[in-house]
N, C-alpha and C. Protein backbone atom coordinates (compact mmCIF):
# COMPACT_ATOMS: atom_id res chain seq x y z
N MET A 1 0.83 -1.10 0.01
CA MET A 1 -0.09 -0.08 -0.23
C MET A 1 0.86 1.38 0.05
N THR A 2 0.65 2.47 -0.84
CA THR A 2 1.19 3.31 -0.80
C THR A 2 0.38 4.30 0.17
N ARG A 3 1.28 5.51 0.54
CA ARG A 3 0.57 6.94 1.13
C ARG A 3 -0.34 7.29 0.26
N ASN A 4 -0.51 7.42 -0.99
CA ASN A 4 -1.23 8.12 -1.92
C ASN A 4 -2.44 6.96 -1.71
N GLU A 5 -2.71 5.80 -1.88
CA GLU A 5 -3.55 5.15 -1.71
C GLU A 5 -4.80 4.92 0.12
N VAL A 6 -3.36 5.57 0.67
CA VAL A 6 -3.59 5.19 1.80
C VAL A 6 -4.77 6.28 2.21
N LEU A 7 -4.11 7.71 1.54
CA LEU A 7 -4.93 8.74 1.31
C LEU A 7 -6.24 9.21 1.03
N ASP A 8 -6.38 8.66 -0.17
CA ASP A 8 -7.39 8.33 -1.14
C ASP A 8 -8.41 7.75 -0.79
N LYS A 9 -7.59 6.28 -0.06
CA LYS A 9 -8.90 5.64 0.29
C LYS A 9 -9.27 6.13 1.57
N LEU A 10 -8.63 6.81 2.33
CA LEU A 10 -9.89 7.67 3.93
C LEU A 10 -10.51 8.86 3.60
N LEU A 11 -9.70 9.39 2.45
CA LEU A 11 -10.79 10.52 1.80
C LEU A 11 -12.12 10.23 1.78
N SER A 12 -11.69 9.16 1.05
CA SER A 12 -13.16 8.94 -0.23
C SER A 12 -14.59 8.22 1.13
N LYS A 13 -13.80 7.87 1.73
CA LYS A 13 -14.66 7.17 3.02
C LYS A 13 -15.27 8.69 3.93
N TYR A 14 -13.99 8.89 4.36
CA TYR A 14 -14.12 9.79 5.50
C TYR A 14 -14.25 11.40 4.82
N GLY A 15 -14.30 12.26 3.52
CA GLY A 15 -14.09 13.37 3.47
C GLY A 15 -15.75 13.81 3.81
N LYS A 16 -16.65 13.26 3.52
CA LYS A 16 -18.33 13.47 4.25
C LYS A 16 -18.43 13.82 5.22
N TYR A 17 -16.96 13.35 6.18
CA TYR A 17 -16.97 14.00 7.50
C TYR A 17 -16.23 15.57 8.02
N GLY A 18 -16.13 15.55 6.83
CA GLY A 18 -15.15 16.71 6.75
C GLY A 18 -13.06 16.96 6.83
N TYR A 19 -12.98 15.55 6.93
CA TYR A 19 -11.65 15.39 6.67
C TYR A 19 -10.79 15.47 5.32
N THR A 20 -10.55 16.30 5.50
CA THR A 20 -9.99 17.65 4.09
C THR A 20 -8.51 16.59 3.76
N ARG A 21 -8.01 15.91 2.65
CA ARG A 21 -7.07 15.89 1.98
C ARG A 21 -6.10 16.30 2.73
N LEU A 22 -5.69 17.27 3.30
CA LEU A 22 -4.72 18.09 3.61
C LEU A 22 -4.56 17.32 5.99
N LYS A 23 -5.96 17.44 5.95
CA LYS A 23 -5.95 16.55 7.06
C LYS A 23 -5.07 15.01 7.50
N ILE A 24 -5.82 14.43 6.44
CA ILE A 24 -4.96 13.15 6.25
C ILE A 24 -4.64 12.98 6.45
N SER A 25 -3.78 14.23 5.58
CA SER A 25 -2.03 13.97 5.23
C SER A 25 -1.10 14.07 6.48
N GLY A 26 -1.89 14.91 7.00
CA GLY A 26 -0.77 15.25 8.47
C GLY A 26 -1.65 14.33 9.52
N LEU A 27 -2.41 13.45 9.70
CA LEU A 27 -2.15 12.16 10.47
C LEU A 27 -1.86 10.66 9.38
N ILE A 28 -1.69 11.14 8.29
CA ILE A 28 -0.57 10.08 7.84
C ILE A 28 0.87 10.22 8.36
N LYS A 29 1.50 11.57 7.99
CA LYS A 29 2.95 11.91 8.41
C LYS A 29 3.14 11.85 9.51
N ASP A 30 1.93 11.84 10.79
CA ASP A 30 2.30 11.42 12.45
C ASP A 30 2.72 10.08 12.08
N GLY A 31 1.88 8.97 11.49
CA GLY A 31 2.37 7.82 11.51
C GLY A 31 3.63 7.40 10.66
N GLU A 32 3.95 8.79 9.67
CA GLU A 32 5.38 8.11 9.29
C GLU A 32 6.35 8.45 10.22
N LYS A 33 6.18 9.68 10.83
CA LYS A 33 6.87 9.58 11.63
C LYS A 33 7.61 8.55 12.57
N HIS A 34 6.17 7.56 13.31
CA HIS A 34 6.40 6.71 14.04
C HIS A 34 7.13 5.48 13.79
N GLY A 35 7.66 5.13 12.05
CA GLY A 35 7.64 4.29 11.37
C GLY A 35 7.55 3.06 10.74
N PHE A 36 5.87 3.60 11.18
CA PHE A 36 4.73 2.96 10.98
C PHE A 36 5.03 2.41 9.07
N SER A 37 4.35 1.17 8.89
CA SER A 37 4.14 1.01 8.29
C SER A 37 2.79 1.46 7.31
N TYR A 38 3.00 1.86 5.68
CA TYR A 38 1.31 2.67 5.32
C TYR A 38 -0.09 1.47 5.89
N THR A 39 0.15 0.34 5.30
CA THR A 39 -0.63 -0.53 6.20
C THR A 39 -1.30 -0.81 7.49
N MET A 40 -0.08 -0.57 8.42
CA MET A 40 -0.65 0.32 9.53
C MET A 40 -0.99 1.55 9.66
N ILE A 41 -1.02 1.98 9.09
CA ILE A 41 -1.33 3.42 8.88
C ILE A 41 -2.41 3.27 8.69
N TYR A 42 -2.72 3.14 7.72
CA TYR A 42 -4.24 3.24 6.90
C TYR A 42 -5.22 2.04 8.17
N ASN A 43 -4.81 0.97 8.58
CA ASN A 43 -5.82 0.07 9.68
C ASN A 43 -6.07 1.38 10.90
N GLY A 44 -5.38 1.60 11.41
CA GLY A 44 -5.05 2.66 12.83
C GLY A 44 -5.94 3.87 12.33
N LEU A 45 -5.44 4.57 11.31
CA LEU A 45 -7.00 5.75 10.89
C LEU A 45 -8.39 4.86 10.30
N ARG A 46 -8.21 3.82 10.24
CA ARG A 46 -9.77 3.45 9.98
C ARG A 46 -10.60 3.26 10.78
N MET A 47 -9.40 2.65 12.58
CA MET A 47 -10.33 2.48 13.46
C MET A 47 -10.27 3.93 14.15
N ALA A 48 -9.56 4.94 14.41
CA ALA A 48 -9.55 6.56 14.93
C ALA A 48 -10.68 7.00 14.30
N LEU A 49 -10.82 7.13 13.28
CA LEU A 49 -11.29 7.68 12.37
C LEU A 49 -12.89 6.89 12.74
N SER A 50 -13.23 5.77 12.30
CA SER A 50 -15.02 5.35 12.57
C SER A 50 -15.50 5.58 13.84
N ASN A 51 -14.42 5.69 14.82
CA ASN A 51 -14.90 5.80 16.22
C ASN A 51 -14.87 7.46 16.82
N ALA A 52 -14.03 8.07 15.78
CA ALA A 52 -14.85 9.81 15.84
C ALA A 52 -15.81 9.74 14.68
N THR A 53 -16.26 9.41 14.34
CA THR A 53 -16.95 9.33 12.77
C THR A 53 -18.87 8.80 13.16
N GLY A 54 -18.50 7.68 13.39
CA GLY A 54 -19.77 6.49 14.47
C GLY A 54 -19.49 5.67 12.58
N GLU A 55 -18.57 5.82 11.57
CA GLU A 55 -19.14 5.38 10.60
C GLU A 55 -18.40 3.27 10.49
N HIS A 56 -19.35 2.27 10.34
CA HIS A 56 -18.84 1.34 10.56
C HIS A 56 -17.86 1.06 9.43
N GLU A 57 -16.50 0.22 10.18
CA GLU A 57 -15.59 -0.41 10.51
C GLU A 57 -15.84 -1.73 10.01
N TYR A 58 -14.65 -2.76 8.88
CA TYR A 58 -14.52 -4.04 9.21
C TYR A 58 -12.81 -4.12 9.77
N PHE A 59 -12.21 -5.11 10.39
CA PHE A 59 -10.89 -5.55 10.69
C PHE A 59 -11.33 -7.00 10.46
N SER A 60 -9.72 -7.79 9.70
CA SER A 60 -9.91 -9.06 9.63
C SER A 60 -8.85 -9.05 10.55
N LEU A 61 -8.87 -10.50 10.89
CA LEU A 61 -7.45 -11.13 12.08
C LEU A 61 -6.50 -10.50 11.87
N GLN A 62 -5.95 -10.14 10.18
CA GLN A 62 -4.71 -9.85 10.12
C GLN A 62 -4.25 -8.63 10.38
N ASP A 63 -5.45 -7.81 10.45
CA ASP A 63 -5.54 -5.90 10.67
C ASP A 63 -5.67 -5.98 11.36
N MET A 64 -6.09 -7.06 12.53
CA MET A 64 -5.98 -6.42 14.15
C MET A 64 -5.15 -6.84 14.89
N MET A 65 -4.18 -7.93 14.52
CA MET A 65 -2.49 -8.57 14.65
C MET A 65 -2.12 -6.60 14.12
N GLU A 66 -1.77 -6.62 13.21
CA GLU A 66 -1.37 -5.33 12.70
C GLU A 66 -1.66 -4.23 13.59
N ILE A 67 -2.71 -3.92 13.56
CA ILE A 67 -3.15 -3.05 15.07
C ILE A 67 -2.62 -2.87 16.40
N THR A 68 -2.59 -4.23 16.82
CA THR A 68 -2.25 -4.65 18.29
C THR A 68 -0.98 -4.92 18.32
N GLY A 69 -0.03 -5.87 17.26
CA GLY A 69 1.18 -6.16 17.47
C GLY A 69 0.87 -7.10 18.28
N GLU A 70 0.11 -8.03 18.10
CA GLU A 70 -0.19 -9.04 18.45
C GLU A 70 -0.34 -10.35 17.93
N THR A 71 0.18 -11.54 17.88
CA THR A 71 0.80 -12.83 16.96
C THR A 71 -0.94 -13.28 16.80
N GLU A 72 -1.42 -13.87 15.99
CA GLU A 72 -2.44 -14.84 15.93
C GLU A 72 -2.85 -15.38 17.33
N GLY A 73 -2.61 -16.28 17.41
CA GLY A 73 -2.81 -16.75 18.75
C GLY A 73 -3.49 -15.89 20.39
N GLU A 74 -1.66 -14.88 20.78
CA GLU A 74 -2.45 -13.78 21.53
C GLU A 74 -3.55 -12.83 20.86
N LEU A 75 -4.40 -12.89 20.07
CA LEU A 75 -5.60 -12.19 20.09
C LEU A 75 -6.79 -13.16 20.08
N ILE A 76 -6.33 -14.21 19.53
CA ILE A 76 -7.48 -15.30 19.97
C ILE A 76 -7.72 -15.21 21.29
N ALA A 77 -6.69 -15.46 22.13
CA ALA A 77 -6.76 -16.35 23.57
C ALA A 77 -7.06 -14.22 24.44
N ARG A 78 -6.91 -13.00 23.50
CA ARG A 78 -7.68 -12.50 24.54
C ARG A 78 -9.06 -12.55 24.13
N ILE A 79 -9.56 -12.39 22.52
CA ILE A 79 -10.60 -12.80 22.69
C ILE A 79 -11.70 -13.69 23.46
N GLU A 80 -10.64 -15.00 23.69
CA GLU A 80 -11.50 -16.39 24.74
C GLU A 80 -11.50 -15.41 25.94
N GLU A 81 -10.32 -14.65 26.56
CA GLU A 81 -10.69 -14.46 27.75
C GLU A 81 -11.79 -13.90 27.65
N SER A 82 -11.78 -12.49 26.72
CA SER A 82 -13.23 -11.71 27.12
C SER A 82 -14.53 -12.45 27.09
N ARG A 83 -14.09 -13.33 26.02
CA ARG A 83 -15.72 -14.32 26.25
C ARG A 83 -15.77 -14.98 28.02
N GLU A 84 -14.81 -15.67 28.38
CA GLU A 84 -15.05 -15.93 29.66
C GLU A 84 -15.64 -14.88 30.26
N GLU A 85 -14.71 -13.06 30.30
CA GLU A 85 -15.65 -12.23 31.09
C GLU A 85 -17.35 -12.42 31.11
N LEU A 86 -17.59 -12.31 30.06
CA LEU A 86 -18.69 -12.08 29.86
C LEU A 86 -19.31 -12.72 30.31
N ARG A 87 -19.10 -14.23 30.38
CA ARG A 87 -19.95 -15.51 30.90
C ARG A 87 -20.10 -15.02 32.22
N LYS A 88 -18.88 -14.91 32.81
CA LYS A 88 -18.90 -14.41 34.33
C LYS A 88 -19.41 -13.18 34.97
N ASN A 89 -20.19 -11.84 33.75
CA ASN A 89 -20.84 -11.43 34.33
C ASN A 89 -22.20 -11.73 34.11
N GLY A 90 -22.76 -12.55 33.37
CA GLY A 90 -24.10 -12.95 33.40
C GLY A 90 -24.21 -12.72 31.89
N GLU A 91 -23.13 -12.43 30.59
CA GLU A 91 -23.94 -11.98 29.68
C GLU A 91 -23.37 -13.02 28.47
N ASP A 92 -24.37 -13.19 27.63
CA ASP A 92 -24.11 -14.19 26.38
C ASP A 92 -23.09 -14.23 25.37
N PRO A 93 -22.08 -14.88 25.63
CA PRO A 93 -20.45 -14.16 24.59
C PRO A 93 -21.28 -14.23 23.03
N GLU A 94 -21.90 -15.60 22.46
CA GLU A 94 -22.68 -14.95 21.47
C GLU A 94 -23.52 -14.55 20.62
N PHE A 95 -23.99 -13.69 21.57
CA PHE A 95 -25.11 -12.42 21.14
C PHE A 95 -23.73 -11.31 21.69
N VAL A 96 -23.02 -11.60 22.29
CA VAL A 96 -21.90 -10.12 21.85
C VAL A 96 -21.00 -10.62 20.77
N SER A 97 -20.98 -11.46 20.56
CA SER A 97 -19.91 -11.61 19.28
C SER A 97 -20.93 -11.38 17.70
N GLU A 98 -22.11 -11.66 17.85
CA GLU A 98 -23.25 -11.43 16.21
C GLU A 98 -22.89 -10.15 16.28
N GLN A 99 -22.77 -9.25 17.44
CA GLN A 99 -22.34 -7.49 17.25
C GLN A 99 -21.18 -7.33 17.14
N TYR A 100 -20.46 -7.23 17.38
CA TYR A 100 -19.02 -7.58 16.88
C TYR A 100 -18.47 -8.51 16.40
N LEU A 101 -18.10 -9.44 16.13
CA LEU A 101 -17.18 -10.18 15.24
C LEU A 101 -18.22 -10.91 14.17
N THR A 102 -17.56 -10.60 12.88
CA THR A 102 -18.89 -10.89 11.83
C THR A 102 -17.88 -12.09 11.04
N PRO A 103 -18.34 -13.26 10.85
CA PRO A 103 -17.70 -14.42 10.22
C PRO A 103 -17.46 -14.05 8.52
N ASN A 104 -16.49 -13.92 8.47
CA ASN A 104 -15.98 -13.84 6.59
C ASN A 104 -15.90 -15.26 6.48
N GLN A 105 -16.28 -15.63 5.13
CA GLN A 105 -15.40 -16.93 4.28
C GLN A 105 -14.38 -16.68 3.88
N SER A 106 -13.69 -15.73 3.64
CA SER A 106 -12.19 -15.26 3.35
C SER A 106 -11.01 -15.47 4.12
N ALA A 107 -12.37 -14.46 5.39
CA ALA A 107 -11.41 -14.40 6.48
C ALA A 107 -11.64 -13.63 7.98
N LYS A 108 -11.53 -13.69 8.75
CA LYS A 108 -12.35 -14.22 10.16
C LYS A 108 -12.30 -11.75 10.28
N ARG A 109 -13.47 -11.50 10.01
CA ARG A 109 -12.83 -10.29 10.48
C ARG A 109 -14.00 -9.73 12.25
N PHE A 110 -13.96 -8.31 12.25
CA PHE A 110 -13.91 -7.87 12.87
C PHE A 110 -14.68 -6.53 13.30
N SER A 111 -15.41 -6.47 13.57
CA SER A 111 -16.43 -4.79 13.84
C SER A 111 -15.92 -3.80 14.70
N ASN A 112 -15.74 -2.42 14.45
CA ASN A 112 -15.10 -1.76 15.58
C ASN A 112 -15.89 -1.14 16.31
N LEU A 113 -17.51 -1.57 16.42
CA LEU A 113 -18.78 -0.50 16.72
C LEU A 113 -19.30 -2.17 18.13
């Protein structure tokens, strides 16, 4: 993924919320200063901008691994720990999973909502 691809993709989705090319470019620059890859910058900004705007985004397991820096095993273990915590609190993890985890035939995908 290139810088321009990140900029164009984010602008096409979040421009309607007032995010300009200049603003998004500045956000990308912040990620570059920290040495992040463009894929990491893209996924991190997708998460941040979706939280700021309420726009719905889906993240694959690979995306989440890049965002968090965790391995697949670590991420799955954290998901299972969260499911167990829900059970302890009397909540149904299957119901919560249906709201936040959306299966995809080509990849496991996670919603940020």
